[in-house]
Amino acid sequence: MSENHDHTHEDGHCHCHEDHEHKEHSANEDVALLKYMLEHNRHHGEDLHELYHALDGAGKKEAAALVGEAMHFFDHGNEKLANALKLLGGE
């Protein structure tokens, strides 16, 4: 499947995708990739949690608040991945 699309995030950052072919995966590969990505993201979520506390403890409240907000969105994305994995019968 070929697609060409661009999208801009609220922060103005643009993700521009050139026309390219998407590799087809087997159902097992899809489940394995989702499991890996979810575990990987959960580990990074733990890192962000530690960073939040380090910044907060150092009195860098504004930066800590932004990391805390990012953690919320990160967790929300992980919930979506977990739900996709359930739909595929992987968890």
C-alpha atoms as a PDB file:
ATOM      1  CA  MET A   1       0.000   0.000   0.000  1.00  0.00           C
ATOM      2  CA  SER A   2       1.422   3.345  -1.031  1.00  0.00           C
ATOM      3  CA  GLU A   3       0.527   6.507   0.756  1.00  0.00           C
ATOM      4  CA  ASN A   4       1.664  10.075   0.878  1.00  0.00           C
ATOM      5  CA  HIS A   5       0.557  12.183   3.809  1.00  0.00           C
ATOM      6  CA  ASP A   6       1.739  14.951   6.058  1.00  0.00           C
ATOM      7  CA  HIS A   7       0.357  16.023   9.394  1.00  0.00           C
ATOM      8  CA  THR A   8       1.234  18.759  11.813  1.00  0.00           C
ATOM      9  CA  HIS A   9       0.953  18.402  15.585  1.00  0.00           C
ATOM     10  CA  GLU A  10      -0.398  21.079  17.906  1.00  0.00           C
ATOM     11  CA  ASP A  11       3.173  22.082  18.747  1.00  0.00           C
ATOM     12  CA  GLY A  12       3.796  22.855  15.070  1.00  0.00           C
ATOM     13  CA  HIS A  13       6.035  19.829  14.532  1.00  0.00           C
ATOM     14  CA  CYS A  14       5.401  18.342  11.096  1.00  0.00           C
ATOM     15  CA  HIS A  15       5.554  14.650  10.296  1.00  0.00           C
ATOM     16  CA  CYS A  16       6.021  14.354   6.574  1.00  0.00           C
ATOM     17  CA  HIS A  17       5.775  10.902   5.068  1.00  0.00           C
ATOM     18  CA  GLU A  18       7.097  10.285   1.607  1.00  0.00           C
ATOM     19  CA  ASP A  19       5.405   7.879  -0.737  1.00  0.00           C
ATOM     20  CA  HIS A  20       6.592   4.397   0.248  1.00  0.00           C
ATOM     21  CA  GLU A  21       5.470   0.816   0.425  1.00  0.00           C
ATOM     22  CA  HIS A  22       4.310  -0.595   3.758  1.00  0.00           C
ATOM     23  CA  LYS A  23       5.603  -4.082   4.488  1.00  0.00           C
ATOM     24  CA  GLU A  24       2.907  -6.657   5.172  1.00  0.00           C
ATOM     25  CA  HIS A  25       3.234  -8.587   8.456  1.00  0.00           C
ATOM     26  CA  SER A  26       1.710 -11.863   9.502  1.00  0.00           C
ATOM     27  CA  ALA A  27      -0.774 -11.825  12.384  1.00  0.00           C
ATOM     28  CA  ASN A  28       1.904 -13.327  14.647  1.00  0.00           C
ATOM     29  CA  GLU A  29       4.392 -10.629  13.639  1.00  0.00           C
ATOM     30  CA  ASP A  30       1.813  -7.930  14.367  1.00  0.00           C
ATOM     31  CA  VAL A  31       1.154  -9.335  17.845  1.00  0.00           C
ATOM     32  CA  ALA A  32       4.877  -9.724  18.551  1.00  0.00           C
ATOM     33  CA  LEU A  33       5.592  -6.155  17.429  1.00  0.00           C
ATOM     34  CA  LEU A  34       2.765  -4.715  19.516  1.00  0.00           C
ATOM     35  CA  LYS A  35       3.913  -6.685  22.584  1.00  0.00           C
ATOM     36  CA  TYR A  36       7.467  -5.450  22.103  1.00  0.00           C
ATOM     37  CA  MET A  37       6.421  -1.824  21.576  1.00  0.00           C
ATOM     38  CA  LEU A  38       4.106  -1.863  24.589  1.00  0.00           C
ATOM     39  CA  GLU A  39       6.780  -3.288  26.898  1.00  0.00           C
ATOM     40  CA  HIS A  40       9.350  -0.872  25.475  1.00  0.00           C
ATOM     41  CA  ASN A  41       7.019   2.078  26.037  1.00  0.00           C
ATOM     42  CA  ARG A  42       6.175   0.956  29.576  1.00  0.00           C
ATOM     43  CA  HIS A  43       9.886   0.902  30.391  1.00  0.00           C
ATOM     44  CA  HIS A  44      10.261   4.438  29.048  1.00  0.00           C
ATOM     45  CA  GLY A  45       7.217   5.435  31.094  1.00  0.00           C
ATOM     46  CA  GLU A  46       9.069   4.327  34.222  1.00  0.00           C
ATOM     47  CA  ASP A  47      12.041   6.453  33.129  1.00  0.00           C
ATOM     48  CA  LEU A  48       9.764   9.459  32.655  1.00  0.00           C
ATOM     49  CA  HIS A  49       8.261   8.903  36.109  1.00  0.00           C
ATOM     50  CA  GLU A  50      11.729   8.974  37.667  1.00  0.00           C
ATOM     51  CA  LEU A  51      12.596  12.098  35.680  1.00  0.00           C
ATOM     52  CA  TYR A  52       9.393  13.780  36.851  1.00  0.00           C
ATOM     53  CA  HIS A  53      10.319  13.163  40.499  1.00  0.00           C
ATOM     54  CA  ALA A  54      13.920  14.286  39.963  1.00  0.00           C
ATOM     55  CA  LEU A  55      12.798  17.558  38.367  1.00  0.00           C
ATOM     56  CA  ASP A  56      10.119  18.132  40.983  1.00  0.00           C
ATOM     57  CA  GLY A  57      12.575  17.421  43.794  1.00  0.00           C
ATOM     58  CA  ALA A  58      15.058  19.869  42.272  1.00  0.00           C
ATOM     59  CA  GLY A  59      12.426  22.608  42.336  1.00  0.00           C
ATOM     60  CA  LYS A  60      12.009  22.642  38.564  1.00  0.00           C
ATOM     61  CA  LYS A  61       8.238  22.601  38.917  1.00  0.00           C
ATOM     62  CA  GLU A  62       7.350  23.893  35.456  1.00  0.00           C
ATOM     63  CA  ALA A  63       9.529  21.305  33.699  1.00  0.00           C
ATOM     64  CA  ALA A  64       8.232  18.582  36.034  1.00  0.00           C
ATOM     65  CA  ALA A  65       4.650  19.564  35.224  1.00  0.00           C
ATOM     66  CA  LEU A  66       5.347  19.274  31.494  1.00  0.00           C
ATOM     67  CA  VAL A  67       6.940  15.856  31.954  1.00  0.00           C
ATOM     68  CA  GLY A  68       3.926  14.847  34.055  1.00  0.00           C
ATOM     69  CA  GLU A  69       1.592  15.966  31.282  1.00  0.00           C
ATOM     70  CA  ALA A  70       3.659  14.063  28.717  1.00  0.00           C
ATOM     71  CA  MET A  71       3.429  10.962  30.940  1.00  0.00           C
ATOM     72  CA  HIS A  72      -0.372  11.235  30.794  1.00  0.00           C
ATOM     73  CA  PHE A  73      -0.359  11.203  26.996  1.00  0.00           C
ATOM     74  CA  PHE A  74       2.276   8.458  26.952  1.00  0.00           C
ATOM     75  CA  ASP A  75       0.100   6.306  29.229  1.00  0.00           C
ATOM     76  CA  HIS A  76      -2.959   7.014  27.086  1.00  0.00           C
ATOM     77  CA  GLY A  77      -1.070   5.842  23.993  1.00  0.00           C
ATOM     78  CA  ASN A  78       0.011   2.694  25.802  1.00  0.00           C
ATOM     79  CA  GLU A  79      -3.617   1.982  26.728  1.00  0.00           C
ATOM     80  CA  LYS A  80      -4.522   2.203  23.035  1.00  0.00           C
ATOM     81  CA  LEU A  81      -1.705  -0.208  22.136  1.00  0.00           C
ATOM     82  CA  ALA A  82      -2.821  -2.617  24.879  1.00  0.00           C
ATOM     83  CA  ASN A  83      -6.399  -2.513  23.572  1.00  0.00           C
ATOM     84  CA  ALA A  84      -5.184  -3.196  20.022  1.00  0.00           C
ATOM     85  CA  LEU A  85      -3.176  -6.132  21.354  1.00  0.00           C
ATOM     86  CA  LYS A  86      -6.286  -7.513  23.109  1.00  0.00           C
ATOM     87  CA  LEU A  87      -8.259  -7.243  19.881  1.00  0.00           C
ATOM     88  CA  LEU A  88      -5.571  -9.302  18.166  1.00  0.00           C
ATOM     89  CA  GLY A  89      -5.705 -11.911  20.944  1.00  0.00           C
ATOM     90  CA  GLY A  90      -2.189 -11.161  22.121  1.00  0.00           C
ATOM     91  CA  GLU A  91      -2.835 -10.238  25.756  1.00  0.00           C
END
